[in-house]
Amino acid sequence: MKMFKARGLTTTAALLVAAAVAMPALAQKTITVRQQDFGNGINTVTNLLVQSEGLAEKHGVDLKVLPPIFNAAGIANVVMQGQADIGFGGATAIISLIQQKRPVKIVAVIGQTFEAEIGLTNAALATLAKKGITPESPFKQRLEGLKGLRFASPASGSSTDQVIRYAFKQFGIDPNRDVVMQPLPDLASIIGATRQGAVDGLMGTHGSGPLQIDTDKSGRIFIEFQKEDKGLEVAPQHVLFATEDYMKNNGEAIRRYLTAHLEAKNIVRKGMTQAQRDKLKEKFFRDMALPTFNSLLDSVVYITKGPMTPTQAQLDVLVAINNVTAETPIKLTYDQLFDKRFAEAVEKR
């Protein structure tokens, strides 16, 4: 049989080479990645898009999302024990582990600007209004109005708990004496206690409790610390982290996993289509009222638009947050906390 050549190759060989070059990620050997996170919060929209849009599978990752742990320290411990490969959560727990000389590092920043907020119930707002304090009052006056109030708060040891304590101390409020912080195990418990009037308000990130009670009119956002503290504008809210051993032996898994997250971030930057929004709601927020879902989603997308590669400014603010609440202040170098190789390589592609 006569064979034809194309640029030095037979037609058959040329076709095989072209097929190999065009082979999609799905044709590669799939890599399993076990992810530990704190649950389906709407302010983790890129994490949820990775799942609802099938982006992990698209990039050759069989993503196993483990049952949630509503605590940064708990997430970190699961990763350190080898029960999960990558942790998705707050950065403060990683600082604690590094202080203990544990081999773990942050590999990417997923959410930038740490929103630390306080929402009050309508009853608490009415009580403060009689004292001349409203959500429109000067910041310092609103802070003074919080003294003596009881709040549903995230679990002790969570990043949100630590950042709110940091913010209080930054502005002269003792979180152990001036207010009562009642830690609860998950977001549903925090919102439930607030709506039932068991507390005067709640503490959390913007897209979690504060905005939810503001949207459903059961209360109002009263304090937004990130608007008063420039450091919180660059502080990582959500990060991805792994042990040094996992990074050493599973570089391709991390690269594929971060590529999926970068695609999710690009979806947000471009603007989610209605089909993407509908799919996200159906998968994770089926029981949430549509106006609430739309309001929450529109208000949190901006925190996902920063780069995945960690910055020196983020290190500085994380150390500051740690040192305000720590018994012994610490110093950390960039390379002690971050390993930027994977995020930097993925973002440069």
C-alpha atoms as a PDB file:
ATOM      1  CA  MET A   1       0.000   0.000   0.000  1.00  0.00           C
ATOM      2  CA  LYS A   2       1.330   3.430  -0.931  1.00  0.00           C
ATOM      3  CA  MET A   3       1.822   5.808   2.044  1.00  0.00           C
ATOM      4  CA  PHE A   4       1.746   9.600   1.708  1.00  0.00           C
ATOM      5  CA  LYS A   5       4.077  11.846   3.769  1.00  0.00           C
ATOM      6  CA  ALA A   6       3.189  15.056   5.517  1.00  0.00           C
ATOM      7  CA  ARG A   7       6.157  17.137   6.724  1.00  0.00           C
ATOM      8  CA  GLY A   8       8.313  14.020   7.000  1.00  0.00           C
ATOM      9  CA  LEU A   9       5.598  11.854   8.577  1.00  0.00           C
ATOM     10  CA  THR A  10       3.266   9.373   6.969  1.00  0.00           C
ATOM     11  CA  THR A  11      -0.343  10.453   6.921  1.00  0.00           C
ATOM     12  CA  THR A  12      -1.146   7.826   9.544  1.00  0.00           C
ATOM     13  CA  ALA A  13       1.659   8.992  11.867  1.00  0.00           C
ATOM     14  CA  ALA A  14       0.740  12.638  11.403  1.00  0.00           C
ATOM     15  CA  LEU A  15      -2.839  11.914  12.432  1.00  0.00           C
ATOM     16  CA  LEU A  16      -1.665  10.069  15.542  1.00  0.00           C
ATOM     17  CA  VAL A  17       0.550  12.984  16.593  1.00  0.00           C
ATOM     18  CA  ALA A  18      -2.267  15.469  16.034  1.00  0.00           C
ATOM     19  CA  ALA A  19      -4.627  13.327  18.103  1.00  0.00           C
ATOM     20  CA  ALA A  20      -2.127  13.139  20.938  1.00  0.00           C
ATOM     21  CA  VAL A  21      -1.612  16.923  20.964  1.00  0.00           C
ATOM     22  CA  ALA A  22      -5.364  17.535  20.974  1.00  0.00           C
ATOM     23  CA  MET A  23      -6.035  14.976  23.703  1.00  0.00           C
ATOM     24  CA  PRO A  24      -8.069  16.708  26.475  1.00  0.00           C
ATOM     25  CA  ALA A  25      -7.337  16.524  30.191  1.00  0.00           C
ATOM     26  CA  LEU A  26     -10.141  14.025  30.631  1.00  0.00           C
ATOM     27  CA  ALA A  27      -8.182  11.507  28.565  1.00  0.00           C
ATOM     28  CA  GLN A  28      -5.323  11.715  31.074  1.00  0.00           C
ATOM     29  CA  LYS A  29      -5.220   9.433  34.052  1.00  0.00           C
ATOM     30  CA  THR A  30      -7.596  10.930  36.603  1.00  0.00           C
ATOM     31  CA  ILE A  31      -6.078  11.935  39.946  1.00  0.00           C
ATOM     32  CA  THR A  32      -8.148  11.742  43.135  1.00  0.00           C
ATOM     33  CA  VAL A  33      -7.998  14.748  45.462  1.00  0.00           C
ATOM     34  CA  ARG A  34      -9.713  14.709  48.871  1.00  0.00           C
ATOM     35  CA  GLN A  35     -10.825  18.184  49.924  1.00  0.00           C
ATOM     36  CA  GLN A  36     -11.734  19.210  53.462  1.00  0.00           C
ATOM     37  CA  ASP A  37     -13.700  22.432  53.818  1.00  0.00           C
ATOM     38  CA  PHE A  38     -16.210  24.088  56.150  1.00  0.00           C
ATOM     39  CA  GLY A  39     -19.349  23.651  54.062  1.00  0.00           C
ATOM     40  CA  ASN A  40     -21.294  25.401  51.333  1.00  0.00           C
ATOM     41  CA  GLY A  41     -21.142  29.097  52.103  1.00  0.00           C
ATOM     42  CA  ILE A  42     -22.118  31.395  49.273  1.00  0.00           C
ATOM     43  CA  ASN A  43     -18.953  33.429  49.837  1.00  0.00           C
ATOM     44  CA  THR A  44     -17.003  30.377  48.649  1.00  0.00           C
ATOM     45  CA  VAL A  45     -18.569  30.717  45.211  1.00  0.00           C
ATOM     46  CA  THR A  46     -15.471  29.640  43.256  1.00  0.00           C
ATOM     47  CA  ASN A  47     -15.172  26.477  45.350  1.00  0.00           C
ATOM     48  CA  LEU A  48     -18.820  25.709  44.609  1.00  0.00           C
ATOM     49  CA  LEU A  49     -18.446  26.477  40.909  1.00  0.00           C
ATOM     50  CA  VAL A  50     -15.616  23.946  40.675  1.00  0.00           C
ATOM     51  CA  GLN A  51     -18.205  21.369  41.718  1.00  0.00           C
ATOM     52  CA  SER A  52     -21.392  22.603  40.021  1.00  0.00           C
ATOM     53  CA  GLU A  53     -19.648  23.184  36.670  1.00  0.00           C
ATOM     54  CA  GLY A  54     -17.626  19.963  36.780  1.00  0.00           C
ATOM     55  CA  LEU A  55     -14.343  21.870  36.506  1.00  0.00           C
ATOM     56  CA  ALA A  56     -12.372  19.385  38.595  1.00  0.00           C
ATOM     57  CA  GLU A  57     -13.343  16.530  36.274  1.00  0.00           C
ATOM     58  CA  LYS A  58     -12.627  18.706  33.247  1.00  0.00           C
ATOM     59  CA  HIS A  59      -9.034  19.069  34.399  1.00  0.00           C
ATOM     60  CA  GLY A  60      -8.527  15.423  35.310  1.00  0.00           C
ATOM     61  CA  VAL A  61      -9.327  15.530  39.030  1.00  0.00           C
ATOM     62  CA  ASP A  62     -11.692  13.163  40.805  1.00  0.00           C
ATOM     63  CA  LEU A  63     -12.660  15.560  43.591  1.00  0.00           C
ATOM     64  CA  LYS A  64     -13.840  14.008  46.852  1.00  0.00           C
ATOM     65  CA  VAL A  65     -15.374  16.664  49.106  1.00  0.00           C
ATOM     66  CA  LEU A  66     -15.389  15.397  52.689  1.00  0.00           C
ATOM     67  CA  PRO A  67     -18.114  16.174  55.266  1.00  0.00           C
ATOM     68  CA  PRO A  68     -17.692  19.779  56.442  1.00  0.00           C
ATOM     69  CA  ILE A  69     -15.889  20.931  59.573  1.00  0.00           C
ATOM     70  CA  PHE A  70     -16.943  24.422  60.677  1.00  0.00           C
ATOM     71  CA  ASN A  71     -13.562  25.242  62.187  1.00  0.00           C
ATOM     72  CA  ALA A  72     -10.234  26.205  60.589  1.00  0.00           C
ATOM     73  CA  ALA A  73      -8.189  24.344  63.200  1.00  0.00           C
ATOM     74  CA  GLY A  74     -10.260  21.191  62.670  1.00  0.00           C
ATOM     75  CA  ILE A  75      -9.796  21.384  58.892  1.00  0.00           C
ATOM     76  CA  ALA A  76      -6.049  21.825  59.322  1.00  0.00           C
ATOM     77  CA  ASN A  77      -5.802  18.845  61.661  1.00  0.00           C
ATOM     78  CA  VAL A  78      -7.580  16.583  59.166  1.00  0.00           C
ATOM     79  CA  VAL A  79      -5.065  17.592  56.491  1.00  0.00           C
ATOM     80  CA  MET A  80      -2.109  17.097  58.830  1.00  0.00           C
ATOM     81  CA  GLN A  81      -3.345  13.615  59.745  1.00  0.00           C
ATOM     82  CA  GLY A  82      -3.469  12.641  56.074  1.00  0.00           C
ATOM     83  CA  GLN A  83      -7.242  12.160  56.036  1.00  0.00           C
ATOM     84  CA  ALA A  84      -7.564  14.922  53.409  1.00  0.00           C
ATOM     85  CA  ASP A  85      -5.151  16.077  50.715  1.00  0.00           C
ATOM     86  CA  ILE A  86      -6.026  19.770  50.497  1.00  0.00           C
ATOM     87  CA  GLY A  87      -7.724  22.015  53.005  1.00  0.00           C
ATOM     88  CA  PHE A  88     -10.039  24.876  52.054  1.00  0.00           C
ATOM     89  CA  GLY A  89     -10.533  27.334  54.892  1.00  0.00           C
ATOM     90  CA  GLY A  90      -9.070  30.179  56.898  1.00  0.00           C
ATOM     91  CA  ALA A  91      -5.363  30.944  57.108  1.00  0.00           C
ATOM     92  CA  THR A  92      -5.009  31.545  60.833  1.00  0.00           C
ATOM     93  CA  ALA A  93      -4.886  27.855  61.735  1.00  0.00           C
ATOM     94  CA  ILE A  94      -1.905  27.381  59.424  1.00  0.00           C
ATOM     95  CA  ILE A  95       0.059  30.014  61.353  1.00  0.00           C
ATOM     96  CA  SER A  96      -0.578  28.053  64.539  1.00  0.00           C
ATOM     97  CA  LEU A  97       0.701  24.842  62.949  1.00  0.00           C
ATOM     98  CA  ILE A  98       3.820  26.551  61.616  1.00  0.00           C
ATOM     99  CA  GLN A  99       4.530  27.837  65.121  1.00  0.00           C
ATOM    100  CA  GLN A 100       4.517  24.177  66.153  1.00  0.00           C
ATOM    101  CA  LYS A 101       6.985  23.482  63.306  1.00  0.00           C
ATOM    102  CA  ARG A 102       4.451  21.366  61.431  1.00  0.00           C
ATOM    103  CA  PRO A 103       5.216  20.860  57.701  1.00  0.00           C
ATOM    104  CA  VAL A 104       2.262  22.627  56.048  1.00  0.00           C
ATOM    105  CA  LYS A 105       1.933  25.669  53.766  1.00  0.00           C
ATOM    106  CA  ILE A 106      -0.659  27.756  51.984  1.00  0.00           C
ATOM    107  CA  VAL A 107      -0.559  27.112  48.229  1.00  0.00           C
ATOM    108  CA  ALA A 108      -3.194  29.593  46.999  1.00  0.00           C
ATOM    109  CA  VAL A 109      -5.510  32.415  48.074  1.00  0.00           C
ATOM    110  CA  ILE A 110      -9.105  31.914  46.936  1.00  0.00           C
ATOM    111  CA  GLY A 111     -10.903  34.797  48.653  1.00  0.00           C
ATOM    112  CA  GLN A 112      -9.327  38.191  49.409  1.00  0.00           C
ATOM    113  CA  THR A 113     -10.749  40.806  51.802  1.00  0.00           C
ATOM    114  CA  PHE A 114     -11.740  39.347  55.132  1.00  0.00           C
ATOM    115  CA  GLU A 115     -15.232  40.573  55.855  1.00  0.00           C
ATOM    116  CA  ALA A 116     -15.720  40.659  59.600  1.00  0.00           C
ATOM    117  CA  GLU A 117     -19.218  41.891  60.351  1.00  0.00           C
ATOM    118  CA  ILE A 118     -21.818  42.122  63.076  1.00  0.00           C
ATOM    119  CA  GLY A 119     -25.554  42.049  62.491  1.00  0.00           C
ATOM    120  CA  LEU A 120     -28.160  42.971  65.102  1.00  0.00           C
ATOM    121  CA  THR A 121     -31.702  41.729  65.538  1.00  0.00           C
ATOM    122  CA  ASN A 122     -34.583  44.160  65.132  1.00  0.00           C
ATOM    123  CA  ALA A 123     -35.189  44.022  68.890  1.00  0.00           C
ATOM    124  CA  ALA A 124     -31.579  44.972  69.670  1.00  0.00           C
ATOM    125  CA  LEU A 125     -31.714  47.739  67.070  1.00  0.00           C
ATOM    126  CA  ALA A 126     -34.851  49.154  68.694  1.00  0.00           C
ATOM    127  CA  THR A 127     -33.178  49.149  72.114  1.00  0.00           C
ATOM    128  CA  LEU A 128     -30.119  50.988  70.805  1.00  0.00           C
ATOM    129  CA  ALA A 129     -32.286  53.458  68.879  1.00  0.00           C
ATOM    130  CA  LYS A 130     -33.770  54.596  72.206  1.00  0.00           C
ATOM    131  CA  LYS A 131     -30.193  55.511  73.189  1.00  0.00           C
ATOM    132  CA  GLY A 132     -29.709  57.437  69.980  1.00  0.00           C
ATOM    133  CA  ILE A 133     -27.539  54.769  68.341  1.00  0.00           C
ATOM    134  CA  THR A 134     -28.507  53.578  64.860  1.00  0.00           C
ATOM    135  CA  PRO A 135     -26.763  51.841  61.918  1.00  0.00           C
ATOM    136  CA  GLU A 136     -26.086  55.349  60.563  1.00  0.00           C
ATOM    137  CA  SER A 137     -24.317  56.541  63.736  1.00  0.00           C
ATOM    138  CA  PRO A 138     -20.531  57.122  63.746  1.00  0.00           C
ATOM    139  CA  PHE A 139     -18.470  53.935  63.934  1.00  0.00           C
ATOM    140  CA  LYS A 140     -17.127  54.544  67.457  1.00  0.00           C
ATOM    141  CA  GLN A 141     -20.611  55.217  68.794  1.00  0.00           C
ATOM    142  CA  ARG A 142     -21.892  51.983  67.246  1.00  0.00           C
ATOM    143  CA  LEU A 143     -19.002  50.062  68.809  1.00  0.00           C
ATOM    144  CA  GLU A 144     -19.830  51.456  72.245  1.00  0.00           C
ATOM    145  CA  GLY A 145     -23.428  50.373  71.731  1.00  0.00           C
ATOM    146  CA  LEU A 146     -22.332  46.743  71.451  1.00  0.00           C
ATOM    147  CA  LYS A 147     -21.110  46.572  75.035  1.00  0.00           C
ATOM    148  CA  GLY A 148     -23.099  44.134  77.124  1.00  0.00           C
ATOM    149  CA  LEU A 149     -24.793  42.480  74.143  1.00  0.00           C
ATOM    150  CA  ARG A 150     -24.791  38.734  73.440  1.00  0.00           C
ATOM    151  CA  PHE A 151     -23.833  37.396  70.005  1.00  0.00           C
ATOM    152  CA  ALA A 152     -23.992  34.084  68.209  1.00  0.00           C
ATOM    153  CA  SER A 153     -20.479  33.612  66.862  1.00  0.00           C
ATOM    154  CA  PRO A 154     -18.451  31.130  64.793  1.00  0.00           C
ATOM    155  CA  ALA A 155     -16.737  28.244  66.543  1.00  0.00           C
ATOM    156  CA  SER A 156     -13.785  29.071  68.769  1.00  0.00           C
ATOM    157  CA  GLY A 157     -10.584  28.590  66.798  1.00  0.00           C
ATOM    158  CA  SER A 158     -12.197  29.435  63.472  1.00  0.00           C
ATOM    159  CA  SER A 159     -10.600  32.143  61.353  1.00  0.00           C
ATOM    160  CA  THR A 160     -13.706  34.330  61.566  1.00  0.00           C
ATOM    161  CA  ASP A 161     -13.687  34.093  65.357  1.00  0.00           C
ATOM    162  CA  GLN A 162     -10.041  35.125  65.481  1.00  0.00           C
ATOM    163  CA  VAL A 163     -10.416  37.981  62.995  1.00  0.00           C
ATOM    164  CA  ILE A 164     -13.402  39.435  64.859  1.00  0.00           C
ATOM    165  CA  ARG A 165     -11.477  39.286  68.136  1.00  0.00           C
ATOM    166  CA  TYR A 166      -8.582  41.013  66.372  1.00  0.00           C
ATOM    167  CA  ALA A 167     -10.912  43.707  65.016  1.00  0.00           C
ATOM    168  CA  PHE A 168     -12.474  44.334  68.435  1.00  0.00           C
ATOM    169  CA  LYS A 169      -9.065  44.777  70.056  1.00  0.00           C
ATOM    170  CA  GLN A 170      -7.902  47.048  67.229  1.00  0.00           C
ATOM    171  CA  PHE A 171     -10.689  49.450  68.148  1.00  0.00           C
ATOM    172  CA  GLY A 172     -10.504  49.226  71.938  1.00  0.00           C
ATOM    173  CA  ILE A 173     -13.185  46.596  72.671  1.00  0.00           C
ATOM    174  CA  ASP A 174     -12.314  43.640  74.904  1.00  0.00           C
ATOM    175  CA  PRO A 175     -14.100  40.634  73.346  1.00  0.00           C
ATOM    176  CA  ASN A 176     -13.849  38.720  76.620  1.00  0.00           C
ATOM    177  CA  ARG A 177     -15.378  41.412  78.852  1.00  0.00           C
ATOM    178  CA  ASP A 178     -17.247  44.008  76.822  1.00  0.00           C
ATOM    179  CA  VAL A 179     -19.435  41.600  74.832  1.00  0.00           C
ATOM    180  CA  VAL A 180     -20.641  38.014  75.164  1.00  0.00           C
ATOM    181  CA  MET A 181     -19.610  35.751  72.282  1.00  0.00           C
ATOM    182  CA  GLN A 182     -21.573  32.495  72.173  1.00  0.00           C
ATOM    183  CA  PRO A 183     -19.762  30.055  69.856  1.00  0.00           C
ATOM    184  CA  LEU A 184     -22.055  27.802  67.830  1.00  0.00           C
ATOM    185  CA  PRO A 185     -21.087  24.797  65.683  1.00  0.00           C
ATOM    186  CA  ASP A 186     -22.315  25.907  62.255  1.00  0.00           C
ATOM    187  CA  LEU A 187     -23.930  28.689  60.252  1.00  0.00           C
ATOM    188  CA  ALA A 188     -27.446  27.256  60.503  1.00  0.00           C
ATOM    189  CA  SER A 189     -27.229  27.321  64.306  1.00  0.00           C
ATOM    190  CA  ILE A 190     -25.920  30.907  64.301  1.00  0.00           C
ATOM    191  CA  ILE A 191     -28.701  32.190  62.057  1.00  0.00           C
ATOM    192  CA  GLY A 192     -31.354  30.140  63.857  1.00  0.00           C
ATOM    193  CA  ALA A 193     -30.402  31.483  67.304  1.00  0.00           C
ATOM    194  CA  THR A 194     -30.451  35.032  65.959  1.00  0.00           C
ATOM    195  CA  ARG A 195     -33.828  34.771  64.251  1.00  0.00           C
ATOM    196  CA  GLN A 196     -35.328  33.188  67.366  1.00  0.00           C
ATOM    197  CA  GLY A 197     -34.128  36.099  69.501  1.00  0.00           C
ATOM    198  CA  ALA A 198     -31.918  33.930  71.709  1.00  0.00           C
ATOM    199  CA  VAL A 199     -29.119  36.465  71.142  1.00  0.00           C
ATOM    200  CA  ASP A 200     -28.898  40.147  70.273  1.00  0.00           C
ATOM    201  CA  GLY A 201     -27.118  39.519  67.010  1.00  0.00           C
ATOM    202  CA  LEU A 202     -24.538  37.498  65.173  1.00  0.00           C
ATOM    203  CA  MET A 203     -20.969  37.697  63.921  1.00  0.00           C
ATOM    204  CA  GLY A 204     -19.623  36.402  60.640  1.00  0.00           C
ATOM    205  CA  THR A 205     -18.466  37.151  57.134  1.00  0.00           C
ATOM    206  CA  HIS A 206     -20.634  39.302  54.888  1.00  0.00           C
ATOM    207  CA  GLY A 207     -22.115  36.510  52.786  1.00  0.00           C
ATOM    208  CA  SER A 208     -22.982  34.363  55.770  1.00  0.00           C
ATOM    209  CA  GLY A 209     -25.107  35.478  58.695  1.00  0.00           C
ATOM    210  CA  PRO A 210     -24.979  39.302  58.629  1.00  0.00           C
ATOM    211  CA  LEU A 211     -26.203  39.726  55.066  1.00  0.00           C
ATOM    212  CA  GLN A 212     -28.782  36.965  55.426  1.00  0.00           C
ATOM    213  CA  ILE A 213     -30.603  38.623  58.324  1.00  0.00           C
ATOM    214  CA  ASP A 214     -30.253  41.974  56.554  1.00  0.00           C
ATOM    215  CA  THR A 215     -31.806  40.551  53.391  1.00  0.00           C
ATOM    216  CA  ASP A 216     -34.727  38.809  55.089  1.00  0.00           C
ATOM    217  CA  LYS A 217     -35.351  41.886  57.285  1.00  0.00           C
ATOM    218  CA  SER A 218     -34.968  39.988  60.576  1.00  0.00           C
ATOM    219  CA  GLY A 219     -32.120  42.352  61.434  1.00  0.00           C
ATOM    220  CA  ARG A 220     -29.513  44.662  59.945  1.00  0.00           C
ATOM    221  CA  ILE A 221     -25.781  44.768  59.386  1.00  0.00           C
ATOM    222  CA  PHE A 222     -24.445  47.058  62.117  1.00  0.00           C
ATOM    223  CA  ILE A 223     -20.636  46.846  61.966  1.00  0.00           C
ATOM    224  CA  GLU A 224     -18.380  46.219  58.935  1.00  0.00           C
ATOM    225  CA  PHE A 225     -14.838  46.075  60.284  1.00  0.00           C
ATOM    226  CA  GLN A 226     -13.271  45.662  56.828  1.00  0.00           C
ATOM    227  CA  LYS A 227     -14.411  49.186  55.960  1.00  0.00           C
ATOM    228  CA  GLU A 228     -12.561  50.573  58.970  1.00  0.00           C
ATOM    229  CA  ASP A 229      -9.348  48.511  58.834  1.00  0.00           C
ATOM    230  CA  LYS A 230      -7.301  48.709  55.624  1.00  0.00           C
ATOM    231  CA  GLY A 231      -5.457  45.503  56.527  1.00  0.00           C
ATOM    232  CA  LEU A 232      -8.643  43.468  56.279  1.00  0.00           C
ATOM    233  CA  GLU A 233      -9.068  44.623  52.668  1.00  0.00           C
ATOM    234  CA  VAL A 234      -6.103  42.461  51.611  1.00  0.00           C
ATOM    235  CA  ALA A 235      -6.413  39.741  54.248  1.00  0.00           C
ATOM    236  CA  PRO A 236      -7.070  36.265  52.817  1.00  0.00           C
ATOM    237  CA  GLN A 237     -10.532  35.031  53.714  1.00  0.00           C
ATOM    238  CA  HIS A 238     -10.179  31.567  52.174  1.00  0.00           C
ATOM    239  CA  VAL A 239      -6.987  29.726  51.280  1.00  0.00           C
ATOM    240  CA  LEU A 240      -5.922  26.309  50.009  1.00  0.00           C
ATOM    241  CA  PHE A 241      -3.239  24.490  51.964  1.00  0.00           C
ATOM    242  CA  ALA A 242      -1.440  21.148  51.977  1.00  0.00           C
ATOM    243  CA  THR A 243       1.375  19.369  53.770  1.00  0.00           C
ATOM    244  CA  GLU A 244       4.881  19.679  52.406  1.00  0.00           C
ATOM    245  CA  ASP A 245       4.960  15.922  51.865  1.00  0.00           C
ATOM    246  CA  TYR A 246       1.823  16.050  49.717  1.00  0.00           C
ATOM    247  CA  MET A 247       3.223  18.958  47.695  1.00  0.00           C
ATOM    248  CA  LYS A 248       6.475  17.086  47.118  1.00  0.00           C
ATOM    249  CA  ASN A 249       4.780  13.943  45.832  1.00  0.00           C
ATOM    250  CA  ASN A 250       1.626  15.289  44.162  1.00  0.00           C
ATOM    251  CA  GLY A 251       2.601  18.378  42.205  1.00  0.00           C
ATOM    252  CA  GLU A 252       0.505  17.424  39.173  1.00  0.00           C
ATOM    253  CA  ALA A 253      -2.590  16.932  41.339  1.00  0.00           C
ATOM    254  CA  ILE A 254      -2.156  20.394  42.857  1.00  0.00           C
ATOM    255  CA  ARG A 255      -1.608  22.009  39.455  1.00  0.00           C
ATOM    256  CA  ARG A 256      -4.765  20.448  38.019  1.00  0.00           C
ATOM    257  CA  TYR A 257      -6.750  21.311  41.133  1.00  0.00           C
ATOM    258  CA  LEU A 258      -5.621  24.963  41.042  1.00  0.00           C
ATOM    259  CA  THR A 259      -6.335  25.146  37.316  1.00  0.00           C
ATOM    260  CA  ALA A 260      -9.945  24.228  38.071  1.00  0.00           C
ATOM    261  CA  HIS A 261     -10.125  26.968  40.716  1.00  0.00           C
ATOM    262  CA  LEU A 262      -8.592  29.512  38.351  1.00  0.00           C
ATOM    263  CA  GLU A 263     -11.219  28.687  35.737  1.00  0.00           C
ATOM    264  CA  ALA A 264     -13.899  29.197  38.378  1.00  0.00           C
ATOM    265  CA  LYS A 265     -12.393  32.586  39.273  1.00  0.00           C
ATOM    266  CA  ASN A 266     -12.403  33.541  35.598  1.00  0.00           C
ATOM    267  CA  ILE A 267     -16.091  32.632  35.371  1.00  0.00           C
ATOM    268  CA  VAL A 268     -16.740  35.084  38.198  1.00  0.00           C
ATOM    269  CA  ARG A 269     -14.561  37.776  36.595  1.00  0.00           C
ATOM    270  CA  LYS A 270     -16.386  37.430  33.295  1.00  0.00           C
ATOM    271  CA  GLY A 271     -19.776  37.355  34.974  1.00  0.00           C
ATOM    272  CA  MET A 272     -21.739  34.199  35.646  1.00  0.00           C
ATOM    273  CA  THR A 273     -24.366  33.258  33.097  1.00  0.00           C
ATOM    274  CA  GLN A 274     -27.930  32.687  34.197  1.00  0.00           C
ATOM    275  CA  ALA A 275     -27.482  28.968  33.534  1.00  0.00           C
ATOM    276  CA  GLN A 276     -24.445  28.888  35.837  1.00  0.00           C
ATOM    277  CA  ARG A 277     -26.314  30.754  38.561  1.00  0.00           C
ATOM    278  CA  ASP A 278     -29.284  28.401  38.239  1.00  0.00           C
ATOM    279  CA  LYS A 279     -27.068  25.328  38.430  1.00  0.00           C
ATOM    280  CA  LEU A 280     -25.276  26.694  41.504  1.00  0.00           C
ATOM    281  CA  LYS A 281     -28.541  27.384  43.286  1.00  0.00           C
ATOM    282  CA  GLU A 282     -30.038  24.002  42.393  1.00  0.00           C
ATOM    283  CA  LYS A 283     -27.006  22.092  43.650  1.00  0.00           C
ATOM    284  CA  PHE A 284     -26.240  23.977  46.859  1.00  0.00           C
ATOM    285  CA  PHE A 285     -29.001  26.455  47.785  1.00  0.00           C
ATOM    286  CA  ARG A 286     -32.235  24.833  46.607  1.00  0.00           C
ATOM    287  CA  ASP A 287     -34.198  25.890  49.685  1.00  0.00           C
ATOM    288  CA  MET A 288     -32.971  29.509  49.702  1.00  0.00           C
ATOM    289  CA  ALA A 289     -35.410  32.132  48.442  1.00  0.00           C
ATOM    290  CA  LEU A 290     -34.362  33.360  44.998  1.00  0.00           C
ATOM    291  CA  PRO A 291     -34.165  37.089  45.948  1.00  0.00           C
ATOM    292  CA  THR A 292     -31.949  36.189  48.915  1.00  0.00           C
ATOM    293  CA  PHE A 293     -29.733  33.976  46.766  1.00  0.00           C
ATOM    294  CA  ASN A 294     -29.308  36.653  44.097  1.00  0.00           C
ATOM    295  CA  SER A 295     -28.563  39.350  46.664  1.00  0.00           C
ATOM    296  CA  LEU A 296     -26.011  37.203  48.485  1.00  0.00           C
ATOM    297  CA  LEU A 297     -24.297  36.067  45.290  1.00  0.00           C
ATOM    298  CA  ASP A 298     -24.054  39.558  43.831  1.00  0.00           C
ATOM    299  CA  SER A 299     -22.574  40.923  47.053  1.00  0.00           C
ATOM    300  CA  VAL A 300     -19.737  38.406  47.485  1.00  0.00           C
ATOM    301  CA  VAL A 301     -18.261  37.891  44.030  1.00  0.00           C
ATOM    302  CA  TYR A 302     -15.763  40.737  44.447  1.00  0.00           C
ATOM    303  CA  ILE A 303     -13.766  38.844  47.089  1.00  0.00           C
ATOM    304  CA  THR A 304     -12.926  36.152  44.523  1.00  0.00           C
ATOM    305  CA  LYS A 305     -11.308  38.474  41.982  1.00  0.00           C
ATOM    306  CA  GLY A 306      -7.818  38.784  43.460  1.00  0.00           C
ATOM    307  CA  PRO A 307      -4.884  36.602  42.361  1.00  0.00           C
ATOM    308  CA  MET A 308      -4.365  33.092  43.714  1.00  0.00           C
ATOM    309  CA  THR A 309      -0.647  33.696  44.295  1.00  0.00           C
ATOM    310  CA  PRO A 310      -0.153  34.938  47.892  1.00  0.00           C
ATOM    311  CA  THR A 311       1.421  38.359  48.498  1.00  0.00           C
ATOM    312  CA  GLN A 312       3.738  39.868  51.101  1.00  0.00           C
ATOM    313  CA  ALA A 313       0.953  42.227  52.206  1.00  0.00           C
ATOM    314  CA  GLN A 314      -1.217  39.208  53.014  1.00  0.00           C
ATOM    315  CA  LEU A 315       1.545  37.734  55.153  1.00  0.00           C
ATOM    316  CA  ASP A 316       1.886  41.017  57.039  1.00  0.00           C
ATOM    317  CA  VAL A 317      -1.802  41.278  57.912  1.00  0.00           C
ATOM    318  CA  LEU A 318      -2.082  37.598  58.895  1.00  0.00           C
ATOM    319  CA  VAL A 319       0.829  37.996  61.310  1.00  0.00           C
ATOM    320  CA  ALA A 320      -0.794  41.157  62.703  1.00  0.00           C
ATOM    321  CA  ILE A 321      -4.096  39.323  63.235  1.00  0.00           C
ATOM    322  CA  ASN A 322      -2.289  36.501  65.007  1.00  0.00           C
ATOM    323  CA  ASN A 323      -0.219  38.804  67.217  1.00  0.00           C
ATOM    324  CA  VAL A 324      -3.133  40.889  68.466  1.00  0.00           C
ATOM    325  CA  THR A 325      -4.708  37.821  70.067  1.00  0.00           C
ATOM    326  CA  ALA A 326      -1.563  35.743  70.768  1.00  0.00           C
ATOM    327  CA  GLU A 327       0.149  35.525  74.136  1.00  0.00           C
ATOM    328  CA  THR A 328       3.531  35.545  72.403  1.00  0.00           C
ATOM    329  CA  PRO A 329       3.925  37.602  69.184  1.00  0.00           C
ATOM    330  CA  ILE A 330       5.528  35.822  66.254  1.00  0.00           C
ATOM    331  CA  LYS A 331       7.531  36.662  63.150  1.00  0.00           C
ATOM    332  CA  LEU A 332       7.167  34.705  59.920  1.00  0.00           C
ATOM    333  CA  THR A 333       8.839  34.932  56.538  1.00  0.00           C
ATOM    334  CA  TYR A 334       6.920  34.621  53.286  1.00  0.00           C
ATOM    335  CA  ASP A 335       8.449  31.218  52.532  1.00  0.00           C
ATOM    336  CA  GLN A 336       7.564  29.859  55.963  1.00  0.00           C
ATOM    337  CA  LEU A 337       3.847  30.420  55.368  1.00  0.00           C
ATOM    338  CA  PHE A 338       3.410  30.252  51.594  1.00  0.00           C
ATOM    339  CA  ASP A 339       4.504  28.015  48.732  1.00  0.00           C
ATOM    340  CA  LYS A 340       3.648  30.056  45.653  1.00  0.00           C
ATOM    341  CA  ARG A 341       5.111  27.741  42.992  1.00  0.00           C
ATOM    342  CA  PHE A 342       1.886  26.042  41.950  1.00  0.00           C
ATOM    343  CA  ALA A 343      -0.409  29.106  41.908  1.00  0.00           C
ATOM    344  CA  GLU A 344       2.195  31.218  40.162  1.00  0.00           C
ATOM    345  CA  ALA A 345       2.753  28.576  37.459  1.00  0.00           C
ATOM    346  CA  VAL A 346      -0.979  28.122  36.867  1.00  0.00           C
ATOM    347  CA  GLU A 347      -1.687  31.868  36.678  1.00  0.00           C
ATOM    348  CA  LYS A 348       1.184  32.437  34.219  1.00  0.00           C
ATOM    349  CA  ARG A 349      -0.089  29.815  31.751  1.00  0.00           C
END
